[in-house]
Amino acid sequence: MPRDEVEKIDAISQSAVDSYLHRSSVTYLECCISLMLTHMSREQVVEILRSEANMLEELG
């Protein structure tokens, strides 16, 4: 198989992996938020998520 075809297949494969990981990460986050909402108030969850978001922004 020519080298450029192998590189195209590798790029397609990497793109598929990246998409899967992105979707899986978002789904996991949604599950975590749902779990939090089963035993915490919405306001508490929002406060925690805002705090985590602020920490991420500070890390740059």
PDB file of N, CA and C in Angstrom:
ATOM      1  N   MET A   1       0.856  -1.173   0.000  1.00  0.00           N
ATOM      2  CA  MET A   1       0.000   0.000   0.000  1.00  0.00           C
ATOM      3  C   MET A   1       0.904   1.238   0.000  1.00  0.00           C
ATOM      4  N   PRO A   2       0.610   2.186  -0.882  1.00  0.00           N
ATOM      5  CA  PRO A   2       1.430   3.402  -0.936  1.00  0.00           C
ATOM      6  C   PRO A   2       1.394   4.184   0.385  1.00  0.00           C
ATOM      7  N   ARG A   3       2.496   4.838   0.646  1.00  0.00           N
ATOM      8  CA  ARG A   3       2.668   5.569   1.910  1.00  0.00           C
ATOM      9  C   ARG A   3       1.572   6.618   2.131  1.00  0.00           C
ATOM     10  N   ASP A   4       1.192   7.355   1.075  1.00  0.00           N
ATOM     11  CA  ASP A   4       0.187   8.405   1.239  1.00  0.00           C
ATOM     12  C   ASP A   4      -1.181   7.827   1.590  1.00  0.00           C
ATOM     13  N   GLU A   5      -1.476   6.621   1.098  1.00  0.00           N
ATOM     14  CA  GLU A   5      -2.740   5.966   1.461  1.00  0.00           C
ATOM     15  C   GLU A   5      -2.730   5.544   2.929  1.00  0.00           C
ATOM     16  N   VAL A   6      -1.596   5.055   3.383  1.00  0.00           N
ATOM     17  CA  VAL A   6      -1.453   4.668   4.790  1.00  0.00           C
ATOM     18  C   VAL A   6      -1.635   5.897   5.678  1.00  0.00           C
ATOM     19  N   GLU A   7      -1.054   7.013   5.278  1.00  0.00           N
ATOM     20  CA  GLU A   7      -1.188   8.246   6.053  1.00  0.00           C
ATOM     21  C   GLU A   7      -2.637   8.724   6.088  1.00  0.00           C
ATOM     22  N   LYS A   8      -3.357   8.589   4.968  1.00  0.00           N
ATOM     23  CA  LYS A   8      -4.774   8.967   4.934  1.00  0.00           C
ATOM     24  C   LYS A   8      -5.592   8.086   5.876  1.00  0.00           C
ATOM     25  N   ILE A   9      -5.327   6.792   5.850  1.00  0.00           N
ATOM     26  CA  ILE A   9      -6.039   5.858   6.733  1.00  0.00           C
ATOM     27  C   ILE A   9      -5.726   6.178   8.193  1.00  0.00           C
ATOM     28  N   ASP A  10      -4.467   6.464   8.482  1.00  0.00           N
ATOM     29  CA  ASP A  10      -4.084   6.841   9.851  1.00  0.00           C
ATOM     30  C   ASP A  10      -4.806   8.107  10.299  1.00  0.00           C
ATOM     31  N   ALA A  11      -4.917   9.079   9.411  1.00  0.00           N
ATOM     32  CA  ALA A  11      -5.595  10.339   9.745  1.00  0.00           C
ATOM     33  C   ALA A  11      -7.079  10.106   9.988  1.00  0.00           C
ATOM     34  N   ILE A  12      -7.707   9.295   9.158  1.00  0.00           N
ATOM     35  CA  ILE A  12      -9.128   8.968   9.337  1.00  0.00           C
ATOM     36  C   ILE A  12      -9.328   8.236  10.656  1.00  0.00           C
ATOM     37  N   SER A  13      -8.454   7.296  10.935  1.00  0.00           N
ATOM     38  CA  SER A  13      -8.531   6.535  12.183  1.00  0.00           C
ATOM     39  C   SER A  13      -8.371   7.445  13.392  1.00  0.00           C
ATOM     40  N   GLN A  14      -7.398   8.332  13.354  1.00  0.00           N
ATOM     41  CA  GLN A  14      -7.172   9.253  14.473  1.00  0.00           C
ATOM     42  C   GLN A  14      -8.360  10.188  14.658  1.00  0.00           C
ATOM     43  N   SER A  15      -8.941  10.634  13.566  1.00  0.00           N
ATOM     44  CA  SER A  15     -10.121  11.499  13.643  1.00  0.00           C
ATOM     45  C   SER A  15     -11.291  10.766  14.293  1.00  0.00           C
ATOM     46  N   ALA A  16     -11.472   9.499  13.946  1.00  0.00           N
ATOM     47  CA  ALA A  16     -12.550   8.697  14.537  1.00  0.00           C
ATOM     48  C   ALA A  16     -12.316   8.497  16.034  1.00  0.00           C
ATOM     49  N   VAL A  17     -11.083   8.239  16.416  1.00  0.00           N
ATOM     50  CA  VAL A  17     -10.747   8.077  17.836  1.00  0.00           C
ATOM     51  C   VAL A  17     -11.007   9.378  18.588  1.00  0.00           C
ATOM     52  N   ASP A  18     -10.573  10.489  18.013  1.00  0.00           N
ATOM     53  CA  ASP A  18     -10.785  11.793  18.652  1.00  0.00           C
ATOM     54  C   ASP A  18     -12.271  12.080  18.840  1.00  0.00           C
ATOM     55  N   SER A  19     -13.074  11.796  17.828  1.00  0.00           N
ATOM     56  CA  SER A  19     -14.525  12.014  17.921  1.00  0.00           C
ATOM     57  C   SER A  19     -15.139  11.136  19.000  1.00  0.00           C
ATOM     58  N   TYR A  20     -14.736   9.883  19.040  1.00  0.00           N
ATOM     59  CA  TYR A  20     -15.257   8.960  20.044  1.00  0.00           C
ATOM     60  C   TYR A  20     -14.917   9.440  21.453  1.00  0.00           C
ATOM     61  N   LEU A  21     -13.674   9.827  21.660  1.00  0.00           N
ATOM     62  CA  LEU A  21     -13.254  10.289  22.984  1.00  0.00           C
ATOM     63  C   LEU A  21     -13.987  11.563  23.391  1.00  0.00           C
ATOM     64  N   HIS A  22     -14.218  12.452  22.434  1.00  0.00           N
ATOM     65  CA  HIS A  22     -14.964  13.677  22.725  1.00  0.00           C
ATOM     66  C   HIS A  22     -16.389  13.346  23.157  1.00  0.00           C
ATOM     67  N   ARG A  23     -17.070  12.522  22.368  1.00  0.00           N
ATOM     68  CA  ARG A  23     -18.456  12.144  22.698  1.00  0.00           C
ATOM     69  C   ARG A  23     -18.517  11.400  24.027  1.00  0.00           C
ATOM     70  N   SER A  24     -17.590  10.497  24.252  1.00  0.00           N
ATOM     71  CA  SER A  24     -17.573   9.723  25.498  1.00  0.00           C
ATOM     72  C   SER A  24     -17.329  10.621  26.702  1.00  0.00           C
ATOM     73  N   SER A  25     -16.452  11.580  26.555  1.00  0.00           N
ATOM     74  CA  SER A  25     -16.160  12.497  27.659  1.00  0.00           C
ATOM     75  C   SER A  25     -17.372  13.344  28.007  1.00  0.00           C
ATOM     76  N   VAL A  26     -18.068  13.846  26.994  1.00  0.00           N
ATOM     77  CA  VAL A  26     -19.270  14.647  27.240  1.00  0.00           C
ATOM     78  C   VAL A  26     -20.347  13.788  27.896  1.00  0.00           C
ATOM     79  N   THR A  27     -20.520  12.568  27.420  1.00  0.00           N
ATOM     80  CA  THR A  27     -21.512  11.668  28.010  1.00  0.00           C
ATOM     81  C   THR A  27     -21.170  11.371  29.465  1.00  0.00           C
ATOM     82  N   TYR A  28     -19.902  11.144  29.747  1.00  0.00           N
ATOM     83  CA  TYR A  28     -19.469  10.881  31.122  1.00  0.00           C
ATOM     84  C   TYR A  28     -19.762  12.085  32.019  1.00  0.00           C
ATOM     85  N   LEU A  29     -19.460  13.271  31.532  1.00  0.00           N
ATOM     86  CA  LEU A  29     -19.733  14.482  32.301  1.00  0.00           C
ATOM     87  C   LEU A  29     -21.224  14.619  32.581  1.00  0.00           C
ATOM     88  N   GLU A  30     -22.051  14.353  31.582  1.00  0.00           N
ATOM     89  CA  GLU A  30     -23.501  14.422  31.776  1.00  0.00           C
ATOM     90  C   GLU A  30     -23.966  13.420  32.829  1.00  0.00           C
ATOM     91  N   CYS A  31     -23.389  12.230  32.818  1.00  0.00           N
ATOM     92  CA  CYS A  31     -23.737  11.223  33.835  1.00  0.00           C
ATOM     93  C   CYS A  31     -23.325  11.691  35.224  1.00  0.00           C
ATOM     94  N   CYS A  32     -22.146  12.284  35.327  1.00  0.00           N
ATOM     95  CA  CYS A  32     -21.682  12.792  36.625  1.00  0.00           C
ATOM     96  C   CYS A  32     -22.607  13.883  37.140  1.00  0.00           C
ATOM     97  N   ILE A  33     -23.017  14.778  36.270  1.00  0.00           N
ATOM     98  CA  ILE A  33     -23.924  15.850  36.679  1.00  0.00           C
ATOM     99  C   ILE A  33     -25.257  15.262  37.121  1.00  0.00           C
ATOM    100  N   SER A  34     -25.761  14.296  36.384  1.00  0.00           N
ATOM    101  CA  SER A  34     -27.025  13.653  36.769  1.00  0.00           C
ATOM    102  C   SER A  34     -26.908  12.989  38.130  1.00  0.00           C
ATOM    103  N   LEU A  35     -25.795  12.320  38.376  1.00  0.00           N
ATOM    104  CA  LEU A  35     -25.573  11.693  39.676  1.00  0.00           C
ATOM    105  C   LEU A  35     -25.548  12.739  40.784  1.00  0.00           C
ATOM    106  N   MET A  36     -24.852  13.832  40.552  1.00  0.00           N
ATOM    107  CA  MET A  36     -24.799  14.902  41.549  1.00  0.00           C
ATOM    108  C   MET A  36     -26.196  15.420  41.865  1.00  0.00           C
ATOM    109  N   LEU A  37     -27.023  15.544  40.834  1.00  0.00           N
ATOM    110  CA  LEU A  37     -28.369  16.091  41.024  1.00  0.00           C
ATOM    111  C   LEU A  37     -29.287  15.140  41.791  1.00  0.00           C
ATOM    112  N   THR A  38     -28.891  13.877  41.926  1.00  0.00           N
ATOM    113  CA  THR A  38     -29.731  12.939  42.679  1.00  0.00           C
ATOM    114  C   THR A  38     -29.622  13.146  44.182  1.00  0.00           C
ATOM    115  N   HIS A  39     -28.548  13.803  44.634  1.00  0.00           N
ATOM    116  CA  HIS A  39     -28.384  13.969  46.082  1.00  0.00           C
ATOM    117  C   HIS A  39     -27.911  15.360  46.495  1.00  0.00           C
ATOM    118  N   MET A  40     -27.906  16.292  45.553  1.00  0.00           N
ATOM    119  CA  MET A  40     -27.522  17.670  45.855  1.00  0.00           C
ATOM    120  C   MET A  40     -28.536  18.601  45.213  1.00  0.00           C
ATOM    121  N   SER A  41     -28.620  19.799  45.742  1.00  0.00           N
ATOM    122  CA  SER A  41     -29.522  20.773  45.121  1.00  0.00           C
ATOM    123  C   SER A  41     -28.904  21.269  43.814  1.00  0.00           C
ATOM    124  N   ARG A  42     -29.761  21.772  42.953  1.00  0.00           N
ATOM    125  CA  ARG A  42     -29.280  22.308  41.681  1.00  0.00           C
ATOM    126  C   ARG A  42     -28.283  23.441  41.938  1.00  0.00           C
ATOM    127  N   GLU A  43     -28.571  24.264  42.931  1.00  0.00           N
ATOM    128  CA  GLU A  43     -27.683  25.383  43.251  1.00  0.00           C
ATOM    129  C   GLU A  43     -26.299  24.895  43.684  1.00  0.00           C
ATOM    130  N   GLN A  44     -26.261  23.819  44.466  1.00  0.00           N
ATOM    131  CA  GLN A  44     -24.973  23.266  44.891  1.00  0.00           C
ATOM    132  C   GLN A  44     -24.188  22.737  43.698  1.00  0.00           C
ATOM    133  N   VAL A  45     -24.883  22.060  42.804  1.00  0.00           N
ATOM    134  CA  VAL A  45     -24.220  21.515  41.616  1.00  0.00           C
ATOM    135  C   VAL A  45     -23.675  22.653  40.757  1.00  0.00           C
ATOM    136  N   VAL A  46     -24.477  23.680  40.560  1.00  0.00           N
ATOM    137  CA  VAL A  46     -24.036  24.828  39.767  1.00  0.00           C
ATOM    138  C   VAL A  46     -22.809  25.475  40.404  1.00  0.00           C
ATOM    139  N   GLU A  47     -22.823  25.631  41.712  1.00  0.00           N
ATOM    140  CA  GLU A  47     -21.691  26.237  42.419  1.00  0.00           C
ATOM    141  C   GLU A  47     -20.419  25.412  42.222  1.00  0.00           C
ATOM    142  N   ILE A  48     -20.542  24.110  42.352  1.00  0.00           N
ATOM    143  CA  ILE A  48     -19.381  23.227  42.168  1.00  0.00           C
ATOM    144  C   ILE A  48     -18.870  23.297  40.735  1.00  0.00           C
ATOM    145  N   LEU A  49     -19.777  23.230  39.774  1.00  0.00           N
ATOM    146  CA  LEU A  49     -19.361  23.267  38.368  1.00  0.00           C
ATOM    147  C   LEU A  49     -18.727  24.607  38.006  1.00  0.00           C
ATOM    148  N   ARG A  50     -19.266  25.696  38.532  1.00  0.00           N
ATOM    149  CA  ARG A  50     -18.658  27.015  38.288  1.00  0.00           C
ATOM    150  C   ARG A  50     -17.254  27.076  38.882  1.00  0.00           C
ATOM    151  N   SER A  51     -17.102  26.539  40.072  1.00  0.00           N
ATOM    152  CA  SER A  51     -15.792  26.520  40.713  1.00  0.00           C
ATOM    153  C   SER A  51     -14.795  25.720  39.876  1.00  0.00           C
ATOM    154  N   GLU A  52     -15.226  24.576  39.387  1.00  0.00           N
ATOM    155  CA  GLU A  52     -14.352  23.742  38.546  1.00  0.00           C
ATOM    156  C   GLU A  52     -14.024  24.453  37.237  1.00  0.00           C
ATOM    157  N   ALA A  53     -15.007  25.121  36.640  1.00  0.00           N
ATOM    158  CA  ALA A  53     -14.777  25.853  35.391  1.00  0.00           C
ATOM    159  C   ALA A  53     -13.784  26.991  35.614  1.00  0.00           C
ATOM    160  N   ASN A  54     -13.928  27.696  36.727  1.00  0.00           N
ATOM    161  CA  ASN A  54     -12.987  28.779  37.050  1.00  0.00           C
ATOM    162  C   ASN A  54     -11.575  28.241  37.210  1.00  0.00           C
ATOM    163  N   MET A  55     -11.451  27.095  37.870  1.00  0.00           N
ATOM    164  CA  MET A  55     -10.138  26.490  38.059  1.00  0.00           C
ATOM    165  C   MET A  55      -9.515  26.133  36.703  1.00  0.00           C
ATOM    166  N   LEU A  56     -10.317  25.588  35.800  1.00  0.00           N
ATOM    167  CA  LEU A  56      -9.810  25.251  34.469  1.00  0.00           C
ATOM    168  C   LEU A  56      -9.351  26.491  33.710  1.00  0.00           C
ATOM    169  N   GLU A  57     -10.135  27.572  33.819  1.00  0.00           N
ATOM    170  CA  GLU A  57      -9.752  28.811  33.142  1.00  0.00           C
ATOM    171  C   GLU A  57      -8.447  29.364  33.700  1.00  0.00           C
ATOM    172  N   GLU A  58      -8.257  29.254  35.009  1.00  0.00           N
ATOM    173  CA  GLU A  58      -7.025  29.736  35.625  1.00  0.00           C
ATOM    174  C   GLU A  58      -5.811  28.930  35.172  1.00  0.00           C
ATOM    175  N   LEU A  59      -6.020  27.648  34.921  1.00  0.00           N
ATOM    176  CA  LEU A  59      -4.913  26.806  34.455  1.00  0.00           C
ATOM    177  C   LEU A  59      -4.496  27.162  33.037  1.00  0.00           C
ATOM    178  N   GLY A  60      -5.418  27.822  32.310  1.00  0.00           N
ATOM    179  CA  GLY A  60      -5.138  28.311  30.968  1.00  0.00           C
ATOM    180  C   GLY A  60      -4.958  27.227  29.986  1.00  0.00           C
TER     181      GLY A  60
END
